[in-house]
Amino acid sequence: MLEVDKNSFEEEVLQAEKPVMVDFWGESCTVCLELMPGVEELAEKYSNEMKFCKLNIKGNRRLAMSQQVMGLPSMVFYVDGEKVEHLSGDDLTIEEIEEEIKKHI
């Protein structure tokens, strides 16, 4: 998974050639940390069809807010530079994330 921040977000996410999933996470978000190994497995599994990025909101809050990310964890999907889906919440599962990936590839 590619680590992005406010300096690389536009180039890596909004100008990507294929669909992108961005994992917005924070160091104090236990659900984010629990999901991360599974998200990284999905990134490996679907790396040919989709680009996977993660963005630590620390130092990137303004960017997260501009993307309407108000809670963590948040998995945001982009196609052709447009935000098309936003999954969020403490009850988010790897299965739900994988289902959403399949919709966009």
C-alpha atoms as a PDB file:
ATOM      1  CA  MET A   1       0.000   0.000   0.000  1.00  0.00           C
ATOM      2  CA  LEU A   2       1.202   3.418  -0.910  1.00  0.00           C
ATOM      3  CA  GLU A   3       1.398   5.965   1.918  1.00  0.00           C
ATOM      4  CA  VAL A   4      -0.009   9.296   0.733  1.00  0.00           C
ATOM      5  CA  ASP A   5      -0.263  12.715   2.351  1.00  0.00           C
ATOM      6  CA  LYS A   6      -1.469  16.194   1.481  1.00  0.00           C
ATOM      7  CA  ASN A   7       1.483  16.636  -0.889  1.00  0.00           C
ATOM      8  CA  SER A   8       0.991  13.444  -2.914  1.00  0.00           C
ATOM      9  CA  PHE A   9      -2.784  12.890  -2.650  1.00  0.00           C
ATOM     10  CA  GLU A  10      -3.814  14.664  -5.842  1.00  0.00           C
ATOM     11  CA  GLU A  11      -1.184  12.995  -8.011  1.00  0.00           C
ATOM     12  CA  GLU A  12      -1.527   9.486  -6.557  1.00  0.00           C
ATOM     13  CA  VAL A  13      -5.306   9.377  -6.024  1.00  0.00           C
ATOM     14  CA  LEU A  14      -7.095  11.945  -8.174  1.00  0.00           C
ATOM     15  CA  GLN A  15      -4.892  11.456 -11.242  1.00  0.00           C
ATOM     16  CA  ALA A  16      -4.642   7.657 -11.027  1.00  0.00           C
ATOM     17  CA  GLU A  17      -5.161   5.512 -14.132  1.00  0.00           C
ATOM     18  CA  LYS A  18      -7.267   2.921 -12.302  1.00  0.00           C
ATOM     19  CA  PRO A  19      -9.752   2.926  -9.394  1.00  0.00           C
ATOM     20  CA  VAL A  20      -8.234   3.864  -6.029  1.00  0.00           C
ATOM     21  CA  MET A  21      -9.132   2.966  -2.469  1.00  0.00           C
ATOM     22  CA  VAL A  22      -7.783   5.230   0.255  1.00  0.00           C
ATOM     23  CA  ASP A  23      -7.665   3.957   3.830  1.00  0.00           C
ATOM     24  CA  PHE A  24      -7.964   7.040   6.057  1.00  0.00           C
ATOM     25  CA  TRP A  25      -6.643   5.990   9.467  1.00  0.00           C
ATOM     26  CA  GLY A  26      -5.242   7.327  12.715  1.00  0.00           C
ATOM     27  CA  GLU A  27      -2.783   5.998  15.270  1.00  0.00           C
ATOM     28  CA  SER A  28      -5.351   6.239  18.076  1.00  0.00           C
ATOM     29  CA  CYS A  29      -8.081   4.437  16.068  1.00  0.00           C
ATOM     30  CA  THR A  30      -8.084   0.843  17.333  1.00  0.00           C
ATOM     31  CA  VAL A  31     -10.545  -0.331  14.649  1.00  0.00           C
ATOM     32  CA  CYS A  32      -8.230   1.141  11.972  1.00  0.00           C
ATOM     33  CA  LEU A  33      -5.290  -0.795  13.384  1.00  0.00           C
ATOM     34  CA  GLU A  34      -7.357  -4.009  13.622  1.00  0.00           C
ATOM     35  CA  LEU A  35      -8.482  -3.704   9.975  1.00  0.00           C
ATOM     36  CA  MET A  36      -5.055  -2.787   8.600  1.00  0.00           C
ATOM     37  CA  PRO A  37      -3.599  -6.326   8.142  1.00  0.00           C
ATOM     38  CA  GLY A  38      -6.742  -7.416   6.274  1.00  0.00           C
ATOM     39  CA  VAL A  39      -6.769  -4.259   4.166  1.00  0.00           C
ATOM     40  CA  GLU A  40      -3.126  -4.872   3.251  1.00  0.00           C
ATOM     41  CA  GLU A  41      -4.023  -8.443   2.186  1.00  0.00           C
ATOM     42  CA  LEU A  42      -6.824  -7.083  -0.028  1.00  0.00           C
ATOM     43  CA  ALA A  43      -4.389  -4.555  -1.499  1.00  0.00           C
ATOM     44  CA  GLU A  44      -2.072  -7.397  -2.461  1.00  0.00           C
ATOM     45  CA  LYS A  45      -4.914  -9.547  -3.820  1.00  0.00           C
ATOM     46  CA  TYR A  46      -6.395  -6.810  -6.029  1.00  0.00           C
ATOM     47  CA  SER A  47      -3.293  -4.761  -6.826  1.00  0.00           C
ATOM     48  CA  ASN A  48      -3.591  -5.397 -10.576  1.00  0.00           C
ATOM     49  CA  GLU A  49      -7.114  -3.958 -10.764  1.00  0.00           C
ATOM     50  CA  MET A  50      -7.060  -1.207  -8.136  1.00  0.00           C
ATOM     51  CA  LYS A  51      -4.556   1.133  -6.512  1.00  0.00           C
ATOM     52  CA  PHE A  52      -4.454   1.097  -2.707  1.00  0.00           C
ATOM     53  CA  CYS A  53      -3.321   4.025  -0.593  1.00  0.00           C
ATOM     54  CA  LYS A  54      -3.380   4.828   3.081  1.00  0.00           C
ATOM     55  CA  LEU A  55      -3.462   8.246   4.634  1.00  0.00           C
ATOM     56  CA  ASN A  56      -2.687   8.907   8.283  1.00  0.00           C
ATOM     57  CA  ILE A  57      -4.921  11.815   9.231  1.00  0.00           C
ATOM     58  CA  LYS A  58      -2.223  13.117  11.580  1.00  0.00           C
ATOM     59  CA  GLY A  59      -0.875  16.133   9.744  1.00  0.00           C
ATOM     60  CA  ASN A  60      -3.496  15.711   7.021  1.00  0.00           C
ATOM     61  CA  ARG A  61      -6.706  16.729   8.821  1.00  0.00           C
ATOM     62  CA  ARG A  62      -7.577  19.490   6.392  1.00  0.00           C
ATOM     63  CA  LEU A  63      -7.276  17.056   3.478  1.00  0.00           C
ATOM     64  CA  ALA A  64      -9.418  14.477   5.300  1.00  0.00           C
ATOM     65  CA  MET A  65     -12.074  17.111   5.986  1.00  0.00           C
ATOM     66  CA  SER A  66     -12.018  18.231   2.342  1.00  0.00           C
ATOM     67  CA  GLN A  67     -12.858  14.622   1.429  1.00  0.00           C
ATOM     68  CA  GLN A  68     -15.731  14.598   3.984  1.00  0.00           C
ATOM     69  CA  VAL A  69     -13.879  12.111   6.186  1.00  0.00           C
ATOM     70  CA  MET A  70     -15.249  12.941   9.630  1.00  0.00           C
ATOM     71  CA  GLY A  71     -14.844   9.568  11.323  1.00  0.00           C
ATOM     72  CA  LEU A  72     -12.425   6.666  11.351  1.00  0.00           C
ATOM     73  CA  PRO A  73     -11.934   4.152   9.953  1.00  0.00           C
ATOM     74  CA  SER A  74     -12.879   5.399   6.495  1.00  0.00           C
ATOM     75  CA  MET A  75     -12.318   3.607   3.196  1.00  0.00           C
ATOM     76  CA  VAL A  76     -12.918   5.997   0.317  1.00  0.00           C
ATOM     77  CA  PHE A  77     -13.127   4.858  -3.302  1.00  0.00           C
ATOM     78  CA  TYR A  78     -12.245   7.044  -6.288  1.00  0.00           C
ATOM     79  CA  VAL A  79     -12.796   6.391  -9.997  1.00  0.00           C
ATOM     80  CA  ASP A  80     -11.365   8.818 -12.562  1.00  0.00           C
ATOM     81  CA  GLY A  81     -10.560  11.284  -9.779  1.00  0.00           C
ATOM     82  CA  GLU A  82     -14.139  11.307  -8.475  1.00  0.00           C
ATOM     83  CA  LYS A  83     -15.158  10.068  -5.033  1.00  0.00           C
ATOM     84  CA  VAL A  84     -17.674   7.284  -5.667  1.00  0.00           C
ATOM     85  CA  GLU A  85     -18.086   5.545  -2.299  1.00  0.00           C
ATOM     86  CA  HIS A  86     -17.247   6.084   1.349  1.00  0.00           C
ATOM     87  CA  LEU A  87     -17.367   3.244   3.877  1.00  0.00           C
ATOM     88  CA  SER A  88     -16.962   4.199   7.518  1.00  0.00           C
ATOM     89  CA  GLY A  89     -17.756   3.165  11.055  1.00  0.00           C
ATOM     90  CA  ASP A  90     -16.635   1.071  13.991  1.00  0.00           C
ATOM     91  CA  ASP A  91     -18.532  -1.944  12.626  1.00  0.00           C
ATOM     92  CA  LEU A  92     -16.826  -1.910   9.213  1.00  0.00           C
ATOM     93  CA  THR A  93     -15.644  -5.384   8.183  1.00  0.00           C
ATOM     94  CA  ILE A  94     -13.034  -6.682   5.754  1.00  0.00           C
ATOM     95  CA  GLU A  95     -15.856  -8.494   3.924  1.00  0.00           C
ATOM     96  CA  GLU A  96     -17.706  -5.216   3.319  1.00  0.00           C
ATOM     97  CA  ILE A  97     -14.509  -3.586   2.075  1.00  0.00           C
ATOM     98  CA  GLU A  98     -13.839  -6.484  -0.317  1.00  0.00           C
ATOM     99  CA  GLU A  99     -17.416  -6.323  -1.665  1.00  0.00           C
ATOM    100  CA  GLU A 100     -16.936  -2.633  -2.427  1.00  0.00           C
ATOM    101  CA  ILE A 101     -13.590  -3.301  -4.137  1.00  0.00           C
ATOM    102  CA  LYS A 102     -15.285  -5.856  -6.394  1.00  0.00           C
ATOM    103  CA  LYS A 103     -17.893  -3.263  -7.446  1.00  0.00           C
ATOM    104  CA  HIS A 104     -15.216  -0.915  -8.780  1.00  0.00           C
ATOM    105  CA  ILE A 105     -12.846  -3.277 -10.591  1.00  0.00           C
END
